[in-house]
Amino acid sequence: MEYKMKALTNIWTGDAKMEGSRLINTGLLGSIRWWLEVLVRGLGGKACDPTGDSRCPDHKAKKATDPKHHCVVCELFGCTGWGRKFRFEVLDENGQIKKDQIKGGKSFGFRFTPLRYIQAEEWVLLDATIKLIASCGAMGGKIGYKPSDENDRKNKPHHKDYGLVQLNQSLVMSKNTNELKKYVALDKWEQVDHNNFTWSSLQHFWCVNGKYLARQNSNASTFNRVISRPEPKQQSSNNDSWIAGRRPNPRNNIAAESKKVFSFKIPPRTIGFVPNPKEFSSMKQGLEKVWGNGNWKFLAGDELMNQLFAGKEAQR
């Protein structure tokens, strides 16, 4: 399966030296896997966190082919004792293997070549994940940078946009949402305890295309206003919350936690997660205080899911 795409911004996949001139395929593959986990949880399935304590496999299963050895995402992407089912390659505009950084404005492609049998449902989930990233997400590193409208800061490296792509060509997959819900809920998958990452699900996700949040000056920041942090720059590190993320404090046994709102300026896109789907309305109200009730659409939860599997990208 191949996808033809265009980078709307630079895509960062830093190497061991934290340099971005080389393309590191695993950086992109990790992003694709993360969004697939979000999608599977949104469909009611169980997906492990491969970086945490709940990662697959379940060692009570003797063999990788035993039921409940691993989750539905690990079935495709692999885990300890169970290899990934495909070879992943990034192609340049001429269809050749790409080795340098993907730059904004350039065309590129993804190629997924089966190494073992891949079920139709797996192809559909992978296809939907690529479409989700292109229409409502981002990939690679440095996507947590925040835009700035300040003339002396807006072009600083830590205010640049990264990770946005446009999908130019893909296959049309034919499974509907109910079929996929049945597949991800099969008894043969490991029933992972989602613990602290329940929020990382499409049922908790929202997206607005065409609008961004940023700092306007040293005393005003629409980004901080939405995540309920003080707007003045000298106070913005105060009042951490679930949505704003938390700074680590080992002395008080507080671990670092990432923020749950991400915004991009060129092209404009703002996305985020809520701890409970019931809070979509309050999030939308907070955005209305910044952007008003004009020409923008708040996509979230089931509405986004239905649009994704109807073969339509989110409105730009």
Protein backbone atom coordinates (compact mmCIF):
# COMPACT_ATOMS: atom_id res chain seq x y z
CA MET A 1 0.00 0.00 0.00
CA GLU A 2 1.40 3.40 -0.97
CA TYR A 3 0.41 6.93 -0.02
CA LYS A 4 1.36 10.07 -1.92
CA MET A 5 1.68 13.07 0.36
CA LYS A 6 2.93 16.62 0.62
CA ALA A 7 4.64 18.12 3.65
CA LEU A 8 2.93 21.35 4.72
CA THR A 9 5.72 22.01 7.24
CA ASN A 10 9.11 20.47 7.93
CA ILE A 11 8.89 17.06 9.61
CA TRP A 12 11.32 16.41 12.45
CA THR A 13 12.77 12.97 13.13
CA GLY A 14 15.85 13.79 15.19
CA ASP A 15 18.77 11.35 15.39
CA ALA A 16 20.85 10.38 18.43
CA LYS A 17 22.65 13.74 18.21
CA MET A 18 19.31 15.62 18.20
CA GLU A 19 19.93 16.73 14.63
CA GLY A 20 17.21 16.63 11.98
CA SER A 21 19.04 16.57 8.64
CA ARG A 22 18.64 12.79 8.28
CA LEU A 23 15.28 11.07 8.01
CA ILE A 24 14.79 8.52 10.80
CA ASN A 25 11.99 6.23 9.65
CA THR A 26 11.29 4.93 13.14
CA GLY A 27 10.35 8.46 14.20
CA LEU A 28 7.54 8.51 11.65
CA LEU A 29 6.56 4.91 12.34
CA GLY A 30 6.26 5.70 16.05
CA SER A 31 3.87 8.55 15.25
CA ILE A 32 1.75 6.34 13.00
CA ARG A 33 1.58 3.68 15.70
CA TRP A 34 0.60 6.23 18.38
CA TRP A 35 -2.31 7.53 16.27
CA LEU A 36 -3.38 3.96 15.52
CA GLU A 37 -3.53 3.33 19.29
CA VAL A 38 -5.71 6.45 19.63
CA LEU A 39 -7.99 5.17 16.86
CA VAL A 40 -8.27 1.63 18.27
CA ARG A 41 -9.19 2.92 21.74
CA GLY A 42 -11.74 5.21 20.11
CA LEU A 43 -13.33 2.14 18.51
CA GLY A 44 -13.62 0.49 21.93
CA GLY A 45 -10.54 -1.74 21.59
CA LYS A 46 -7.58 -2.19 23.91
CA ALA A 47 -4.18 -0.89 22.84
CA CYS A 48 -1.07 -1.04 24.99
CA ASP A 49 1.38 1.77 25.64
CA PRO A 50 4.64 0.29 24.23
CA THR A 51 6.69 2.77 26.28
CA GLY A 52 5.00 2.01 29.62
CA ASP A 53 4.41 -0.75 32.12
CA SER A 54 1.30 -2.02 30.30
CA ARG A 55 3.13 -2.86 27.09
CA CYS A 56 2.67 -6.20 25.35
CA PRO A 57 3.27 -9.09 25.42
CA ASP A 58 1.34 -10.75 28.20
CA HIS A 59 3.89 -13.31 29.40
CA LYS A 60 1.17 -15.65 30.67
CA ALA A 61 0.76 -16.66 27.03
CA LYS A 62 3.40 -19.22 26.09
CA LYS A 63 3.65 -18.42 22.38
CA ALA A 64 3.18 -15.27 20.30
CA THR A 65 0.38 -17.03 18.43
CA ASP A 66 -1.52 -17.80 21.65
CA PRO A 67 -4.71 -15.81 22.35
CA LYS A 68 -4.21 -12.66 24.45
CA HIS A 69 -0.43 -12.63 23.88
CA HIS A 70 -0.60 -9.09 22.52
CA CYS A 71 -3.05 -6.31 21.65
CA VAL A 72 -4.58 -5.51 18.27
CA VAL A 73 -2.00 -2.76 17.55
CA CYS A 74 0.94 -5.03 18.38
CA GLU A 75 -0.54 -7.62 16.01
CA LEU A 76 0.34 -5.26 13.14
CA PHE A 77 3.26 -3.25 14.55
CA GLY A 78 4.95 -5.96 16.58
CA CYS A 79 6.18 -6.38 20.13
CA THR A 80 8.70 -8.57 21.97
CA GLY A 81 8.62 -11.98 20.31
CA TRP A 82 6.26 -10.87 17.54
CA GLY A 83 7.70 -9.03 14.53
CA ARG A 84 6.09 -6.19 12.64
CA LYS A 85 4.01 -7.46 9.71
CA PHE A 86 5.27 -4.98 7.13
CA ARG A 87 8.32 -3.18 5.81
CA PHE A 88 7.99 0.60 6.01
CA GLU A 89 9.72 2.92 3.52
CA VAL A 90 9.59 6.65 2.89
CA LEU A 91 9.83 7.69 -0.75
CA ASP A 92 10.85 10.96 -2.36
CA GLU A 93 8.90 12.70 -5.15
CA ASN A 94 10.51 10.34 -7.69
CA GLY A 95 9.54 7.16 -5.86
CA GLN A 96 13.08 6.54 -4.58
CA ILE A 97 14.01 5.79 -0.98
CA LYS A 98 14.27 9.07 0.92
CA LYS A 99 17.15 9.54 3.37
CA ASP A 100 17.14 13.26 4.21
CA GLN A 101 14.65 15.36 6.15
CA ILE A 102 11.17 15.87 4.73
CA LYS A 103 10.92 19.61 4.06
CA GLY A 104 7.80 21.73 3.95
CA GLY A 105 6.35 22.10 0.45
CA LYS A 106 7.94 18.85 -0.81
CA SER A 107 6.12 15.75 -2.01
CA PHE A 108 6.91 12.36 -0.52
CA GLY A 109 5.30 8.98 0.01
CA PHE A 110 4.86 6.07 2.39
CA ARG A 111 5.11 2.45 1.27
CA PHE A 112 3.87 -0.47 3.40
CA THR A 113 4.99 -3.85 2.03
CA PRO A 114 3.55 -6.98 3.69
CA LEU A 115 6.03 -9.41 5.23
CA ARG A 116 3.26 -11.69 6.52
CA TYR A 117 -0.46 -11.88 5.89
CA ILE A 118 -2.25 -8.65 6.86
CA GLN A 119 -5.99 -8.88 7.39
CA ALA A 120 -8.39 -6.52 5.63
CA GLU A 121 -9.35 -4.92 8.96
CA GLU A 122 -5.69 -4.13 9.64
CA TRP A 123 -5.30 -2.41 6.28
CA VAL A 124 -8.43 -0.36 6.93
CA LEU A 125 -7.21 0.70 10.38
CA LEU A 126 -3.82 1.68 8.97
CA ASP A 127 -5.49 3.57 6.13
CA ALA A 128 -7.78 5.43 8.53
CA THR A 129 -4.79 6.31 10.73
CA ILE A 130 -2.91 7.94 7.84
CA LYS A 131 -6.04 9.90 6.93
CA LEU A 132 -6.53 10.95 10.55
CA ILE A 133 -2.95 12.27 10.76
CA ALA A 134 -3.34 14.22 7.52
CA SER A 135 -6.74 15.71 8.32
CA CYS A 136 -6.54 16.31 12.07
CA GLY A 137 -3.13 15.35 13.44
CA ALA A 138 0.61 15.75 13.08
CA MET A 139 3.63 13.46 12.97
CA GLY A 140 7.25 13.40 14.03
CA GLY A 141 8.92 15.44 16.76
CA LYS A 142 8.62 19.04 17.95
CA ILE A 143 4.87 19.18 17.38
CA GLY A 144 4.49 20.56 20.89
CA TYR A 145 6.03 23.92 19.98
CA LYS A 146 3.63 26.84 20.42
CA PRO A 147 3.14 29.60 17.80
CA SER A 148 3.82 33.23 18.59
CA ASP A 149 2.43 36.43 17.03
CA GLU A 150 5.21 38.55 18.55
CA ASN A 151 7.28 40.17 15.79
CA ASP A 152 10.59 39.51 17.55
CA ARG A 153 9.76 35.90 18.44
CA LYS A 154 7.47 34.38 15.80
CA ASN A 155 10.36 33.17 13.65
CA LYS A 156 12.39 31.68 16.51
CA PRO A 157 13.16 27.94 16.14
CA HIS A 158 10.99 27.02 19.15
CA HIS A 159 7.93 28.71 17.61
CA LYS A 160 8.09 26.92 14.25
CA ASP A 161 5.45 24.48 13.05
CA TYR A 162 6.38 20.86 12.40
CA GLY A 163 4.64 17.66 11.38
CA LEU A 164 1.68 18.71 9.20
CA VAL A 165 1.04 16.79 5.99
CA GLN A 166 -1.47 16.69 3.15
CA LEU A 167 -2.68 13.39 1.73
CA ASN A 168 -2.78 13.54 -2.06
CA GLN A 169 -3.54 9.92 -2.95
CA SER A 170 -4.52 6.79 -1.05
CA LEU A 171 -6.59 3.65 -1.46
CA VAL A 172 -10.28 3.65 -0.61
CA MET A 173 -10.95 1.04 2.06
CA SER A 174 -14.39 -0.52 2.50
CA LYS A 175 -14.93 -1.65 6.11
CA ASN A 176 -17.52 0.24 8.17
CA THR A 177 -17.22 1.36 11.78
CA ASN A 178 -19.26 -1.50 13.25
CA GLU A 179 -17.11 -4.11 11.50
CA LEU A 180 -13.96 -2.51 12.91
CA LYS A 181 -15.44 -2.30 16.40
CA LYS A 182 -16.08 -6.04 16.28
CA TYR A 183 -12.53 -6.70 15.09
CA VAL A 184 -10.75 -4.65 17.77
CA ALA A 185 -12.95 -6.25 20.47
CA LEU A 186 -12.12 -9.87 19.57
CA ASP A 187 -11.32 -12.13 22.53
CA LYS A 188 -7.96 -13.10 21.04
CA TRP A 189 -6.41 -9.70 21.84
CA GLU A 190 -4.75 -8.95 25.17
CA GLN A 191 -7.12 -6.93 27.36
CA VAL A 192 -4.76 -4.13 28.33
CA ASP A 193 -5.47 -1.95 31.35
CA HIS A 194 -5.34 1.59 29.99
CA ASN A 195 -4.60 3.07 33.41
CA ASN A 196 -3.42 6.67 33.01
CA PHE A 197 -3.72 6.83 29.22
CA THR A 198 -7.47 6.30 28.85
CA TRP A 199 -7.63 9.87 27.53
CA SER A 200 -5.44 8.93 24.54
CA SER A 201 -8.46 7.89 22.50
CA LEU A 202 -10.38 9.28 19.56
CA GLN A 203 -13.41 9.43 21.86
CA HIS A 204 -11.53 12.11 23.85
CA PHE A 205 -10.02 13.93 20.85
CA TRP A 206 -11.07 17.18 19.18
CA CYS A 207 -9.82 19.17 16.20
CA VAL A 208 -10.31 22.62 14.66
CA ASN A 209 -8.79 23.34 11.26
CA GLY A 210 -8.24 26.92 10.11
CA LYS A 211 -7.61 28.40 13.60
CA TYR A 212 -4.57 28.64 15.87
CA LEU A 213 -3.65 29.69 19.40
CA ALA A 214 -0.55 31.76 20.15
CA ARG A 215 1.14 34.34 22.39
CA GLN A 216 0.33 37.89 21.30
CA ASN A 217 2.63 39.80 23.65
CA SER A 218 4.23 39.48 27.09
CA ASN A 219 0.83 39.84 28.81
CA ALA A 220 -1.55 38.12 26.38
CA SER A 221 -1.66 34.53 25.15
CA THR A 222 -4.72 32.87 23.66
CA PHE A 223 -2.95 29.52 24.11
CA ASN A 224 -2.58 30.01 27.86
CA ARG A 225 -6.11 31.36 28.11
CA VAL A 226 -7.53 28.15 26.66
CA ILE A 227 -5.45 25.82 28.84
CA SER A 228 -6.20 27.95 31.95
CA ARG A 229 -2.69 29.17 32.64
CA PRO A 230 -1.96 32.81 33.56
CA GLU A 231 -1.40 34.79 30.38
CA PRO A 232 1.49 37.07 31.50
CA LYS A 233 4.75 35.45 30.42
CA GLN A 234 6.37 35.72 33.87
CA GLN A 235 3.44 33.81 35.39
CA SER A 236 2.76 31.28 32.62
CA SER A 237 4.65 28.46 34.35
CA ASN A 238 2.16 28.55 37.24
CA ASN A 239 -1.13 26.68 37.61
CA ASP A 240 -0.27 23.45 35.84
CA SER A 241 -3.32 21.32 35.17
CA TRP A 242 -4.19 18.10 33.38
CA ILE A 243 -4.80 19.93 30.11
CA ALA A 244 -1.74 22.17 30.49
CA GLY A 245 0.60 19.34 31.41
CA ARG A 246 2.74 19.11 34.53
CA ARG A 247 6.37 19.91 35.17
CA PRO A 248 8.32 17.19 36.98
CA ASN A 249 8.97 17.62 40.69
CA PRO A 250 10.91 14.57 41.95
CA ARG A 251 10.96 15.94 45.50
CA ASN A 252 7.17 15.72 45.64
CA ASN A 253 6.94 12.57 43.49
CA ILE A 254 5.31 14.45 40.61
CA ALA A 255 6.15 13.02 37.20
CA ALA A 256 6.23 15.04 34.00
CA GLU A 257 3.05 15.00 31.96
CA SER A 258 2.61 16.44 28.47
CA LYS A 259 0.05 19.11 27.66
CA LYS A 260 -3.10 18.05 25.86
CA VAL A 261 -3.55 20.98 23.43
CA PHE A 262 -1.41 21.50 20.32
CA SER A 263 -1.59 24.39 17.88
CA PHE A 264 -0.02 25.19 14.51
CA LYS A 265 0.00 28.55 12.75
CA ILE A 266 0.93 27.90 9.09
CA PRO A 267 -1.31 26.21 8.10
CA PRO A 268 -3.57 26.83 11.10
CA ARG A 269 -4.74 23.82 13.11
CA THR A 270 -5.52 23.28 16.79
CA ILE A 271 -6.09 19.86 18.30
CA GLY A 272 -6.37 18.38 21.76
CA PHE A 273 -7.75 15.87 24.23
CA VAL A 274 -10.17 16.14 27.12
CA PRO A 275 -10.16 13.86 30.21
CA ASN A 276 -13.82 13.03 29.67
CA PRO A 277 -15.96 13.38 26.51
CA LYS A 278 -18.51 15.30 28.61
CA GLU A 279 -16.00 18.17 28.63
CA PHE A 280 -16.07 18.76 24.87
CA SER A 281 -18.70 21.47 25.37
CA SER A 282 -16.60 23.39 27.88
CA MET A 283 -13.55 23.13 25.63
CA LYS A 284 -15.56 24.48 22.70
CA GLN A 285 -16.83 27.34 24.87
CA GLY A 286 -13.26 28.20 25.81
CA LEU A 287 -12.27 28.33 22.14
CA GLU A 288 -15.31 30.50 21.33
CA LYS A 289 -14.06 33.06 23.87
CA VAL A 290 -10.88 33.33 21.79
CA TRP A 291 -12.16 32.93 18.22
CA GLY A 292 -15.82 33.93 18.53
CA ASN A 293 -18.64 31.97 16.84
CA GLY A 294 -17.44 32.52 13.30
CA ASN A 295 -16.55 30.22 10.43
CA TRP A 296 -14.83 27.30 12.17
CA LYS A 297 -15.94 23.77 13.01
CA PHE A 298 -15.25 21.84 16.20
CA LEU A 299 -14.92 18.14 15.34
CA ALA A 300 -14.82 15.63 18.17
CA GLY A 301 -15.49 12.06 19.23
CA ASP A 302 -18.15 10.15 17.30
CA GLU A 303 -18.66 12.90 14.72
CA LEU A 304 -14.99 12.79 13.82
CA MET A 305 -15.05 8.98 13.80
CA ASN A 306 -18.04 8.83 11.47
CA GLN A 307 -16.51 11.37 9.10
CA LEU A 308 -13.22 9.51 9.07
CA PHE A 309 -14.79 6.20 8.06
CA ALA A 310 -17.13 7.86 5.59
CA GLY A 311 -14.02 8.56 3.53
CA LYS A 312 -14.14 12.30 4.13
CA GLU A 313 -11.33 14.35 5.55
CA ALA A 314 -12.06 16.87 8.27
CA GLN A 315 -13.00 20.29 6.97
CA ARG A 316 -10.05 22.53 6.27
